[in-house]
Amino acid sequence: MQYLFSVVDDGTGITGPEVDAAIDVFNDRLRAGGHWVFAGGLASPDAATVVDNRDGAALVTDGPFLESKEYLAGFWVVEAPDLDVALALASAGSRSCHRKVEVRPFR
């Protein structure tokens, strides 16, 4: 089963080369264990653009969809046999990036 690990940032997390290196080590662990599917870091919310075309006329606005002190800073998509394994991996991911990680299964 595949899981989405959403990295939740509140702007107070540790950043820098040490964190980047720890994330690289975690990514290598995911690959070696056959859990890696895809991952990526995201720009800050003020770099976002929202497109709403529900009514047939695209409305494009700058900035995040929601104003919040917490935001999606990155994500992993992982393969895990069950939720327990996914949670153990997410725990290691949270430690590597020094941020909270939300775990959600794909349908």
PDB file of N, CA and C in Angstrom:
ATOM      1  N   MET A   1       0.843  -1.170   0.000  1.00  0.00           N
ATOM      2  CA  MET A   1       0.000   0.000   0.000  1.00  0.00           C
ATOM      3  C   MET A   1       0.893   1.240   0.000  1.00  0.00           C
ATOM      4  N   GLN A   2       0.413   2.283  -0.638  1.00  0.00           N
ATOM      5  CA  GLN A   2       1.179   3.527  -0.667  1.00  0.00           C
ATOM      6  C   GLN A   2       0.610   4.528   0.332  1.00  0.00           C
ATOM      7  N   TYR A   3       1.535   5.299   0.908  1.00  0.00           N
ATOM      8  CA  TYR A   3       1.186   6.307   1.905  1.00  0.00           C
ATOM      9  C   TYR A   3       1.810   7.640   1.523  1.00  0.00           C
ATOM     10  N   LEU A   4       1.093   8.714   1.840  1.00  0.00           N
ATOM     11  CA  LEU A   4       1.618  10.062   1.687  1.00  0.00           C
ATOM     12  C   LEU A   4       2.105  10.535   3.045  1.00  0.00           C
ATOM     13  N   PHE A   5       3.364  10.929   3.117  1.00  0.00           N
ATOM     14  CA  PHE A   5       3.920  11.560   4.311  1.00  0.00           C
ATOM     15  C   PHE A   5       4.002  13.056   4.015  1.00  0.00           C
ATOM     16  N   SER A   6       3.154  13.838   4.646  1.00  0.00           N
ATOM     17  CA  SER A   6       3.157  15.289   4.458  1.00  0.00           C
ATOM     18  C   SER A   6       4.020  15.923   5.540  1.00  0.00           C
ATOM     19  N   VAL A   7       5.006  16.696   5.136  1.00  0.00           N
ATOM     20  CA  VAL A   7       5.895  17.375   6.075  1.00  0.00           C
ATOM     21  C   VAL A   7       5.257  18.710   6.448  1.00  0.00           C
ATOM     22  N   VAL A   8       4.952  18.873   7.719  1.00  0.00           N
ATOM     23  CA  VAL A   8       4.262  20.056   8.225  1.00  0.00           C
ATOM     24  C   VAL A   8       5.287  20.993   8.864  1.00  0.00           C
ATOM     25  N   ASP A   9       5.373  22.206   8.346  1.00  0.00           N
ATOM     26  CA  ASP A   9       6.338  23.186   8.844  1.00  0.00           C
ATOM     27  C   ASP A   9       5.585  24.340   9.492  1.00  0.00           C
ATOM     28  N   ASP A  10       6.119  24.838  10.591  1.00  0.00           N
ATOM     29  CA  ASP A  10       5.533  26.014  11.227  1.00  0.00           C
ATOM     30  C   ASP A  10       6.490  27.200  11.211  1.00  0.00           C
ATOM     31  N   GLY A  11       7.566  27.061  10.447  1.00  0.00           N
ATOM     32  CA  GLY A  11       8.527  28.145  10.314  1.00  0.00           C
ATOM     33  C   GLY A  11       9.554  28.222  11.418  1.00  0.00           C
ATOM     34  N   THR A  12       9.463  27.327  12.402  1.00  0.00           N
ATOM     35  CA  THR A  12      10.412  27.362  13.514  1.00  0.00           C
ATOM     36  C   THR A  12      11.400  26.205  13.473  1.00  0.00           C
ATOM     37  N   GLY A  13      11.291  25.352  12.463  1.00  0.00           N
ATOM     38  CA  GLY A  13      12.148  24.171  12.387  1.00  0.00           C
ATOM     39  C   GLY A  13      13.595  24.495  12.065  1.00  0.00           C
ATOM     40  N   ILE A  14      14.445  23.573  12.422  1.00  0.00           N
ATOM     41  CA  ILE A  14      15.870  23.678  12.129  1.00  0.00           C
ATOM     42  C   ILE A  14      16.069  23.451  10.635  1.00  0.00           C
ATOM     43  N   THR A  15      16.929  24.244  10.021  1.00  0.00           N
ATOM     44  CA  THR A  15      17.272  24.062   8.613  1.00  0.00           C
ATOM     45  C   THR A  15      18.784  24.102   8.473  1.00  0.00           C
ATOM     46  N   GLY A  16      19.258  23.737   7.304  1.00  0.00           N
ATOM     47  CA  GLY A  16      20.689  23.828   7.046  1.00  0.00           C
ATOM     48  C   GLY A  16      21.267  22.540   6.516  1.00  0.00           C
ATOM     49  N   PRO A  17      22.562  22.525   6.288  1.00  0.00           N
ATOM     50  CA  PRO A  17      23.226  21.371   5.690  1.00  0.00           C
ATOM     51  C   PRO A  17      23.068  20.085   6.494  1.00  0.00           C
ATOM     52  N   GLU A  18      23.028  20.184   7.826  1.00  0.00           N
ATOM     53  CA  GLU A  18      22.886  18.978   8.641  1.00  0.00           C
ATOM     54  C   GLU A  18      21.523  18.328   8.422  1.00  0.00           C
ATOM     55  N   VAL A  19      20.489  19.150   8.340  1.00  0.00           N
ATOM     56  CA  VAL A  19      19.146  18.625   8.098  1.00  0.00           C
ATOM     57  C   VAL A  19      19.063  18.040   6.695  1.00  0.00           C
ATOM     58  N   ASP A  20      19.606  18.735   5.713  1.00  0.00           N
ATOM     59  CA  ASP A  20      19.613  18.221   4.339  1.00  0.00           C
ATOM     60  C   ASP A  20      20.320  16.871   4.272  1.00  0.00           C
ATOM     61  N   ALA A  21      21.436  16.743   4.972  1.00  0.00           N
ATOM     62  CA  ALA A  21      22.185  15.482   4.983  1.00  0.00           C
ATOM     63  C   ALA A  21      21.372  14.378   5.653  1.00  0.00           C
ATOM     64  N   ALA A  22      20.675  14.699   6.741  1.00  0.00           N
ATOM     65  CA  ALA A  22      19.853  13.701   7.430  1.00  0.00           C
ATOM     66  C   ALA A  22      18.702  13.241   6.539  1.00  0.00           C
ATOM     67  N   ILE A  23      18.116  14.156   5.792  1.00  0.00           N
ATOM     68  CA  ILE A  23      17.042  13.792   4.860  1.00  0.00           C
ATOM     69  C   ILE A  23      17.593  12.901   3.753  1.00  0.00           C
ATOM     70  N   ASP A  24      18.780  13.207   3.246  1.00  0.00           N
ATOM     71  CA  ASP A  24      19.409  12.357   2.223  1.00  0.00           C
ATOM     72  C   ASP A  24      19.625  10.944   2.744  1.00  0.00           C
ATOM     73  N   VAL A  25      20.073  10.821   3.994  1.00  0.00           N
ATOM     74  CA  VAL A  25      20.278   9.496   4.598  1.00  0.00           C
ATOM     75  C   VAL A  25      18.942   8.762   4.703  1.00  0.00           C
ATOM     76  N   PHE A  26      17.899   9.463   5.135  1.00  0.00           N
ATOM     77  CA  PHE A  26      16.577   8.847   5.223  1.00  0.00           C
ATOM     78  C   PHE A  26      16.088   8.414   3.843  1.00  0.00           C
ATOM     79  N   ASN A  27      16.258   9.266   2.831  1.00  0.00           N
ATOM     80  CA  ASN A  27      15.855   8.903   1.470  1.00  0.00           C
ATOM     81  C   ASN A  27      16.594   7.657   0.996  1.00  0.00           C
ATOM     82  N   ASP A  28      17.887   7.575   1.287  1.00  0.00           N
ATOM     83  CA  ASP A  28      18.665   6.386   0.921  1.00  0.00           C
ATOM     84  C   ASP A  28      18.126   5.147   1.625  1.00  0.00           C
ATOM     85  N   ARG A  29      17.721   5.306   2.883  1.00  0.00           N
ATOM     86  CA  ARG A  29      17.146   4.181   3.635  1.00  0.00           C
ATOM     87  C   ARG A  29      15.837   3.721   2.986  1.00  0.00           C
ATOM     88  N   LEU A  30      15.010   4.672   2.576  1.00  0.00           N
ATOM     89  CA  LEU A  30      13.765   4.313   1.896  1.00  0.00           C
ATOM     90  C   LEU A  30      14.050   3.539   0.614  1.00  0.00           C
ATOM     91  N   ARG A  31      15.008   4.018  -0.164  1.00  0.00           N
ATOM     92  CA  ARG A  31      15.357   3.335  -1.422  1.00  0.00           C
ATOM     93  C   ARG A  31      15.877   1.927  -1.153  1.00  0.00           C
ATOM     94  N   ALA A  32      16.786   1.806  -0.197  1.00  0.00           N
ATOM     95  CA  ALA A  32      17.391   0.503   0.111  1.00  0.00           C
ATOM     96  C   ALA A  32      16.349  -0.493   0.616  1.00  0.00           C
ATOM     97  N   GLY A  33      15.328   0.001   1.306  1.00  0.00           N
ATOM     98  CA  GLY A  33      14.297  -0.875   1.844  1.00  0.00           C
ATOM     99  C   GLY A  33      13.147  -1.139   0.893  1.00  0.00           C
ATOM    100  N   GLY A  34      13.211  -0.575  -0.315  1.00  0.00           N
ATOM    101  CA  GLY A  34      12.137  -0.771  -1.282  1.00  0.00           C
ATOM    102  C   GLY A  34      10.884   0.042  -0.979  1.00  0.00           C
ATOM    103  N   HIS A  35      11.010   1.084  -0.154  1.00  0.00           N
ATOM    104  CA  HIS A  35       9.862   1.901   0.233  1.00  0.00           C
ATOM    105  C   HIS A  35       9.716   3.166  -0.609  1.00  0.00           C
ATOM    106  N   TRP A  36      10.778   3.568  -1.281  1.00  0.00           N
ATOM    107  CA  TRP A  36      10.792   4.830  -2.029  1.00  0.00           C
ATOM    108  C   TRP A  36       9.852   4.775  -3.223  1.00  0.00           C
ATOM    109  N   VAL A  37       8.991   5.781  -3.367  1.00  0.00           N
ATOM    110  CA  VAL A  37       8.195   5.980  -4.571  1.00  0.00           C
ATOM    111  C   VAL A  37       8.547   7.343  -5.165  1.00  0.00           C
ATOM    112  N   PHE A  38       8.386   8.398  -4.353  1.00  0.00           N
ATOM    113  CA  PHE A  38       8.650   9.750  -4.830  1.00  0.00           C
ATOM    114  C   PHE A  38       8.707  10.674  -3.623  1.00  0.00           C
ATOM    115  N   ALA A  39       9.425  11.779  -3.758  1.00  0.00           N
ATOM    116  CA  ALA A  39       9.473  12.778  -2.688  1.00  0.00           C
ATOM    117  C   ALA A  39       9.828  14.131  -3.272  1.00  0.00           C
ATOM    118  N   GLY A  40       9.522  15.172  -2.529  1.00  0.00           N
ATOM    119  CA  GLY A  40       9.898  16.507  -2.968  1.00  0.00           C
ATOM    120  C   GLY A  40       9.701  17.532  -1.877  1.00  0.00           C
ATOM    121  N   GLY A  41      10.532  18.548  -1.921  1.00  0.00           N
ATOM    122  CA  GLY A  41      10.379  19.701  -1.039  1.00  0.00           C
ATOM    123  C   GLY A  41       9.639  20.789  -1.798  1.00  0.00           C
ATOM    124  N   LEU A  42       8.917  21.613  -1.077  1.00  0.00           N
ATOM    125  CA  LEU A  42       8.104  22.653  -1.704  1.00  0.00           C
ATOM    126  C   LEU A  42       8.568  24.043  -1.288  1.00  0.00           C
ATOM    127  N   ALA A  43       8.359  25.003  -2.164  1.00  0.00           N
ATOM    128  CA  ALA A  43       8.639  26.403  -1.842  1.00  0.00           C
ATOM    129  C   ALA A  43       7.661  26.871  -0.764  1.00  0.00           C
ATOM    130  N   SER A  44       7.943  28.004  -0.170  1.00  0.00           N
ATOM    131  CA  SER A  44       7.082  28.533   0.890  1.00  0.00           C
ATOM    132  C   SER A  44       5.707  28.901   0.324  1.00  0.00           C
ATOM    133  N   PRO A  45       4.693  28.984   1.186  1.00  0.00           N
ATOM    134  CA  PRO A  45       3.334  29.269   0.718  1.00  0.00           C
ATOM    135  C   PRO A  45       3.193  30.576  -0.057  1.00  0.00           C
ATOM    136  N   ASP A  46       4.035  31.570   0.229  1.00  0.00           N
ATOM    137  CA  ASP A  46       3.890  32.823  -0.509  1.00  0.00           C
ATOM    138  C   ASP A  46       4.310  32.702  -1.968  1.00  0.00           C
ATOM    139  N   ALA A  47       4.878  31.563  -2.354  1.00  0.00           N
ATOM    140  CA  ALA A  47       5.205  31.302  -3.757  1.00  0.00           C
ATOM    141  C   ALA A  47       4.062  30.584  -4.482  1.00  0.00           C
ATOM    142  N   ALA A  48       2.974  30.304  -3.762  1.00  0.00           N
ATOM    143  CA  ALA A  48       1.860  29.530  -4.319  1.00  0.00           C
ATOM    144  C   ALA A  48       0.967  30.380  -5.215  1.00  0.00           C
ATOM    145  N   THR A  49       0.308  29.713  -6.144  1.00  0.00           N
ATOM    146  CA  THR A  49      -0.747  30.297  -6.961  1.00  0.00           C
ATOM    147  C   THR A  49      -1.924  29.338  -6.916  1.00  0.00           C
ATOM    148  N   VAL A  50      -3.111  29.859  -6.710  1.00  0.00           N
ATOM    149  CA  VAL A  50      -4.313  29.039  -6.637  1.00  0.00           C
ATOM    150  C   VAL A  50      -5.125  29.245  -7.909  1.00  0.00           C
ATOM    151  N   VAL A  51      -5.545  28.141  -8.526  1.00  0.00           N
ATOM    152  CA  VAL A  51      -6.378  28.179  -9.724  1.00  0.00           C
ATOM    153  C   VAL A  51      -7.715  27.538  -9.381  1.00  0.00           C
ATOM    154  N   ASP A  52      -8.808  28.258  -9.623  1.00  0.00           N
ATOM    155  CA  ASP A  52     -10.156  27.753  -9.364  1.00  0.00           C
ATOM    156  C   ASP A  52     -10.962  27.858 -10.655  1.00  0.00           C
ATOM    157  N   ASN A  53     -11.258  26.703 -11.257  1.00  0.00           N
ATOM    158  CA  ASN A  53     -12.024  26.670 -12.499  1.00  0.00           C
ATOM    159  C   ASN A  53     -13.301  25.858 -12.316  1.00  0.00           C
ATOM    160  N   ARG A  54     -13.861  25.880 -11.131  1.00  0.00           N
ATOM    161  CA  ARG A  54     -15.081  25.105 -10.871  1.00  0.00           C
ATOM    162  C   ARG A  54     -16.278  25.623 -11.651  1.00  0.00           C
ATOM    163  N   ASP A  55     -16.274  26.903 -11.984  1.00  0.00           N
ATOM    164  CA  ASP A  55     -17.415  27.490 -12.690  1.00  0.00           C
ATOM    165  C   ASP A  55     -17.169  27.673 -14.182  1.00  0.00           C
ATOM    166  N   GLY A  56     -16.087  27.097 -14.708  1.00  0.00           N
ATOM    167  CA  GLY A  56     -15.810  27.189 -16.125  1.00  0.00           C
ATOM    168  C   GLY A  56     -15.024  28.411 -16.544  1.00  0.00           C
ATOM    169  N   ALA A  57     -14.668  29.258 -15.599  1.00  0.00           N
ATOM    170  CA  ALA A  57     -13.839  30.433 -15.880  1.00  0.00           C
ATOM    171  C   ALA A  57     -12.724  30.449 -14.843  1.00  0.00           C
ATOM    172  N   ALA A  58     -11.527  30.194 -15.286  1.00  0.00           N
ATOM    173  CA  ALA A  58     -10.407  30.068 -14.352  1.00  0.00           C
ATOM    174  C   ALA A  58     -10.142  31.374 -13.616  1.00  0.00           C
ATOM    175  N   LEU A  59     -10.144  31.286 -12.294  1.00  0.00           N
ATOM    176  CA  LEU A  59      -9.781  32.405 -11.437  1.00  0.00           C
ATOM    177  C   LEU A  59      -8.420  32.072 -10.844  1.00  0.00           C
ATOM    178  N   VAL A  60      -7.427  32.913 -11.106  1.00  0.00           N
ATOM    179  CA  VAL A  60      -6.062  32.682 -10.653  1.00  0.00           C
ATOM    180  C   VAL A  60      -5.716  33.747  -9.621  1.00  0.00           C
ATOM    181  N   THR A  61      -5.305  33.291  -8.429  1.00  0.00           N
ATOM    182  CA  THR A  61      -4.917  34.225  -7.374  1.00  0.00           C
ATOM    183  C   THR A  61      -3.554  33.840  -6.817  1.00  0.00           C
ATOM    184  N   ASP A  62      -2.786  34.850  -6.478  1.00  0.00           N
ATOM    185  CA  ASP A  62      -1.478  34.622  -5.867  1.00  0.00           C
ATOM    186  C   ASP A  62      -1.649  34.307  -4.391  1.00  0.00           C
ATOM    187  N   GLY A  63      -0.694  33.557  -3.875  1.00  0.00           N
ATOM    188  CA  GLY A  63      -0.675  33.269  -2.447  1.00  0.00           C
ATOM    189  C   GLY A  63      -1.315  31.940  -2.118  1.00  0.00           C
ATOM    190  N   PRO A  64      -1.192  31.549  -0.873  1.00  0.00           N
ATOM    191  CA  PRO A  64      -1.696  30.237  -0.467  1.00  0.00           C
ATOM    192  C   PRO A  64      -3.216  30.190  -0.440  1.00  0.00           C
ATOM    193  N   PHE A  65      -3.737  28.976  -0.570  1.00  0.00           N
ATOM    194  CA  PHE A  65      -5.178  28.748  -0.495  1.00  0.00           C
ATOM    195  C   PHE A  65      -5.685  29.079   0.907  1.00  0.00           C
ATOM    196  N   LEU A  66      -4.941  28.654   1.916  1.00  0.00           N
ATOM    197  CA  LEU A  66      -5.295  28.907   3.312  1.00  0.00           C
ATOM    198  C   LEU A  66      -4.192  29.697   3.993  1.00  0.00           C
ATOM    199  N   GLU A  67      -4.552  30.640   4.815  1.00  0.00           N
ATOM    200  CA  GLU A  67      -3.584  31.344   5.652  1.00  0.00           C
ATOM    201  C   GLU A  67      -3.458  30.548   6.943  1.00  0.00           C
ATOM    202  N   SER A  68      -2.261  30.094   7.237  1.00  0.00           N
ATOM    203  CA  SER A  68      -2.045  29.268   8.415  1.00  0.00           C
ATOM    204  C   SER A  68      -0.605  29.385   8.855  1.00  0.00           C
ATOM    205  N   LYS A  69      -0.358  29.200  10.152  1.00  0.00           N
ATOM    206  CA  LYS A  69       1.028  29.219  10.616  1.00  0.00           C
ATOM    207  C   LYS A  69       1.739  27.922  10.247  1.00  0.00           C
ATOM    208  N   GLU A  70       0.978  26.856   9.979  1.00  0.00           N
ATOM    209  CA  GLU A  70       1.563  25.594   9.525  1.00  0.00           C
ATOM    210  C   GLU A  70       1.255  25.414   8.045  1.00  0.00           C
ATOM    211  N   TYR A  71       2.199  24.825   7.336  1.00  0.00           N
ATOM    212  CA  TYR A  71       2.012  24.637   5.901  1.00  0.00           C
ATOM    213  C   TYR A  71       2.758  23.395   5.434  1.00  0.00           C
ATOM    214  N   LEU A  72       2.388  22.923   4.258  1.00  0.00           N
ATOM    215  CA  LEU A  72       3.021  21.761   3.650  1.00  0.00           C
ATOM    216  C   LEU A  72       4.369  22.179   3.078  1.00  0.00           C
ATOM    217  N   ALA A  73       5.438  21.633   3.656  1.00  0.00           N
ATOM    218  CA  ALA A  73       6.792  22.003   3.243  1.00  0.00           C
ATOM    219  C   ALA A  73       7.411  20.982   2.296  1.00  0.00           C
ATOM    220  N   GLY A  74       6.845  19.798   2.255  1.00  0.00           N
ATOM    221  CA  GLY A  74       7.369  18.742   1.400  1.00  0.00           C
ATOM    222  C   GLY A  74       6.582  17.471   1.644  1.00  0.00           C
ATOM    223  N   PHE A  75       6.988  16.409   0.962  1.00  0.00           N
ATOM    224  CA  PHE A  75       6.246  15.157   1.101  1.00  0.00           C
ATOM    225  C   PHE A  75       7.097  13.987   0.633  1.00  0.00           C
ATOM    226  N   TRP A  76       6.717  12.823   1.085  1.00  0.00           N
ATOM    227  CA  TRP A  76       7.213  11.561   0.562  1.00  0.00           C
ATOM    228  C   TRP A  76       6.002  10.726   0.172  1.00  0.00           C
ATOM    229  N   VAL A  77       6.101   9.973  -0.888  1.00  0.00           N
ATOM    230  CA  VAL A  77       5.162   8.903  -1.193  1.00  0.00           C
ATOM    231  C   VAL A  77       5.956   7.623  -1.004  1.00  0.00           C
ATOM    232  N   VAL A  78       5.477   6.770  -0.092  1.00  0.00           N
ATOM    233  CA  VAL A  78       6.219   5.555   0.242  1.00  0.00           C
ATOM    234  C   VAL A  78       5.346   4.328   0.048  1.00  0.00           C
ATOM    235  N   GLU A  79       6.005   3.218  -0.141  1.00  0.00           N
ATOM    236  CA  GLU A  79       5.363   1.910  -0.215  1.00  0.00           C
ATOM    237  C   GLU A  79       5.638   1.207   1.107  1.00  0.00           C
ATOM    238  N   ALA A  80       4.578   0.734   1.764  1.00  0.00           N
ATOM    239  CA  ALA A  80       4.733   0.006   3.024  1.00  0.00           C
ATOM    240  C   ALA A  80       3.663  -1.079   3.090  1.00  0.00           C
ATOM    241  N   PRO A  81       3.983  -2.224   3.695  1.00  0.00           N
ATOM    242  CA  PRO A  81       3.014  -3.315   3.728  1.00  0.00           C
ATOM    243  C   PRO A  81       1.808  -3.038   4.624  1.00  0.00           C
ATOM    244  N   ASP A  82       1.974  -2.147   5.614  1.00  0.00           N
ATOM    245  CA  ASP A  82       0.869  -1.844   6.522  1.00  0.00           C
ATOM    246  C   ASP A  82       1.128  -0.520   7.230  1.00  0.00           C
ATOM    247  N   LEU A  83       0.132  -0.079   7.985  1.00  0.00           N
ATOM    248  CA  LEU A  83       0.217   1.209   8.665  1.00  0.00           C
ATOM    249  C   LEU A  83       1.335   1.236   9.703  1.00  0.00           C
ATOM    250  N   ASP A  84       1.558   0.130  10.400  1.00  0.00           N
ATOM    251  CA  ASP A  84       2.616   0.108  11.415  1.00  0.00           C
ATOM    252  C   ASP A  84       3.981   0.397  10.807  1.00  0.00           C
ATOM    253  N   VAL A  85       4.270  -0.204   9.675  1.00  0.00           N
ATOM    254  CA  VAL A  85       5.545   0.053   8.993  1.00  0.00           C
ATOM    255  C   VAL A  85       5.584   1.500   8.515  1.00  0.00           C
ATOM    256  N   ALA A  86       4.475   1.980   7.964  1.00  0.00           N
ATOM    257  CA  ALA A  86       4.423   3.372   7.497  1.00  0.00           C
ATOM    258  C   ALA A  86       4.678   4.340   8.648  1.00  0.00           C
ATOM    259  N   LEU A  87       4.095   4.084   9.802  1.00  0.00           N
ATOM    260  CA  LEU A  87       4.290   4.969  10.952  1.00  0.00           C
ATOM    261  C   LEU A  87       5.729   4.937  11.452  1.00  0.00           C
ATOM    262  N   ALA A  88       6.348   3.771  11.429  1.00  0.00           N
ATOM    263  CA  ALA A  88       7.756   3.680  11.831  1.00  0.00           C
ATOM    264  C   ALA A  88       8.637   4.466  10.863  1.00  0.00           C
ATOM    265  N   LEU A  89       8.352   4.356   9.574  1.00  0.00           N
ATOM    266  CA  LEU A  89       9.110   5.120   8.581  1.00  0.00           C
ATOM    267  C   LEU A  89       8.865   6.619   8.749  1.00  0.00           C
ATOM    268  N   ALA A  90       7.619   6.999   8.985  1.00  0.00           N
ATOM    269  CA  ALA A  90       7.298   8.416   9.170  1.00  0.00           C
ATOM    270  C   ALA A  90       8.000   8.982  10.398  1.00  0.00           C
ATOM    271  N   SER A  91       8.126   8.178  11.429  1.00  0.00           N
ATOM    272  CA  SER A  91       8.841   8.616  12.627  1.00  0.00           C
ATOM    273  C   SER A  91      10.295   8.937  12.299  1.00  0.00           C
ATOM    274  N   ALA A  92      10.918   8.069  11.516  1.00  0.00           N
ATOM    275  CA  ALA A  92      12.306   8.318  11.096  1.00  0.00           C
ATOM    276  C   ALA A  92      12.383   9.539  10.181  1.00  0.00           C
ATOM    277  N   GLY A  93      11.390   9.711   9.317  1.00  0.00           N
ATOM    278  CA  GLY A  93      11.361  10.881   8.441  1.00  0.00           C
ATOM    279  C   GLY A  93      11.200  12.170   9.221  1.00  0.00           C
ATOM    280  N   SER A  94      10.333  12.153  10.222  1.00  0.00           N
ATOM    281  CA  SER A  94      10.129  13.322  11.070  1.00  0.00           C
ATOM    282  C   SER A  94      11.418  13.705  11.789  1.00  0.00           C
ATOM    283  N   ARG A  95      12.108  12.708  12.274  1.00  0.00           N
ATOM    284  CA  ARG A  95      13.378  12.971  12.962  1.00  0.00           C
ATOM    285  C   ARG A  95      14.401  13.560  11.992  1.00  0.00           C
ATOM    286  N   SER A  96      14.423  13.045  10.769  1.00  0.00           N
ATOM    287  CA  SER A  96      15.425  13.515   9.803  1.00  0.00           C
ATOM    288  C   SER A  96      15.194  14.966   9.391  1.00  0.00           C
ATOM    289  N   CYS A  97      13.931  15.365   9.241  1.00  0.00           N
ATOM    290  CA  CYS A  97      13.646  16.725   8.762  1.00  0.00           C
ATOM    291  C   CYS A  97      13.299  17.706   9.882  1.00  0.00           C
ATOM    292  N   HIS A  98      13.215  17.200  11.108  1.00  0.00           N
ATOM    293  CA  HIS A  98      12.900  18.042  12.273  1.00  0.00           C
ATOM    294  C   HIS A  98      11.557  18.749  12.126  1.00  0.00           C
ATOM    295  N   ARG A  99      10.580  18.005  11.612  1.00  0.00           N
ATOM    296  CA  ARG A  99       9.238  18.552  11.459  1.00  0.00           C
ATOM    297  C   ARG A  99       8.212  17.455  11.707  1.00  0.00           C
ATOM    298  N   LYS A 100       6.967  17.878  11.932  1.00  0.00           N
ATOM    299  CA  LYS A 100       5.885  16.902  12.055  1.00  0.00           C
ATOM    300  C   LYS A 100       5.629  16.290  10.682  1.00  0.00           C
ATOM    301  N   VAL A 101       5.175  15.040  10.698  1.00  0.00           N
ATOM    302  CA  VAL A 101       4.831  14.349   9.458  1.00  0.00           C
ATOM    303  C   VAL A 101       3.441  13.734   9.622  1.00  0.00           C
ATOM    304  N   GLU A 102       2.544  14.094   8.728  1.00  0.00           N
ATOM    305  CA  GLU A 102       1.208  13.504   8.699  1.00  0.00           C
ATOM    306  C   GLU A 102       1.232  12.316   7.749  1.00  0.00           C
ATOM    307  N   VAL A 103       0.639  11.202   8.167  1.00  0.00           N
ATOM    308  CA  VAL A 103       0.609   9.977   7.359  1.00  0.00           C
ATOM    309  C   VAL A 103      -0.821   9.724   6.898  1.00  0.00           C
ATOM    310  N   ARG A 104      -0.984   9.551   5.571  1.00  0.00           N
ATOM    311  CA  ARG A 104      -2.303   9.236   5.023  1.00  0.00           C
ATOM    312  C   ARG A 104      -2.157   8.178   3.942  1.00  0.00           C
ATOM    313  N   PRO A 105      -3.009   7.141   3.999  1.00  0.00           N
ATOM    314  CA  PRO A 105      -2.957   6.131   2.940  1.00  0.00           C
ATOM    315  C   PRO A 105      -3.631   6.651   1.673  1.00  0.00           C
ATOM    316  N   PHE A 106      -3.141   6.171   0.538  1.00  0.00           N
ATOM    317  CA  PHE A 106      -3.834   6.430  -0.722  1.00  0.00           C
ATOM    318  C   PHE A 106      -5.006   5.466  -0.821  1.00  0.00           C
ATOM    319  N   ARG A 107      -6.025   5.862  -1.533  1.00  0.00           N
ATOM    320  CA  ARG A 107      -7.188   4.977  -1.735  1.00  0.00           C
ATOM    321  C   ARG A 107      -6.862   3.911  -2.737  1.00  0.00           C
TER     322      ARG A 107
END
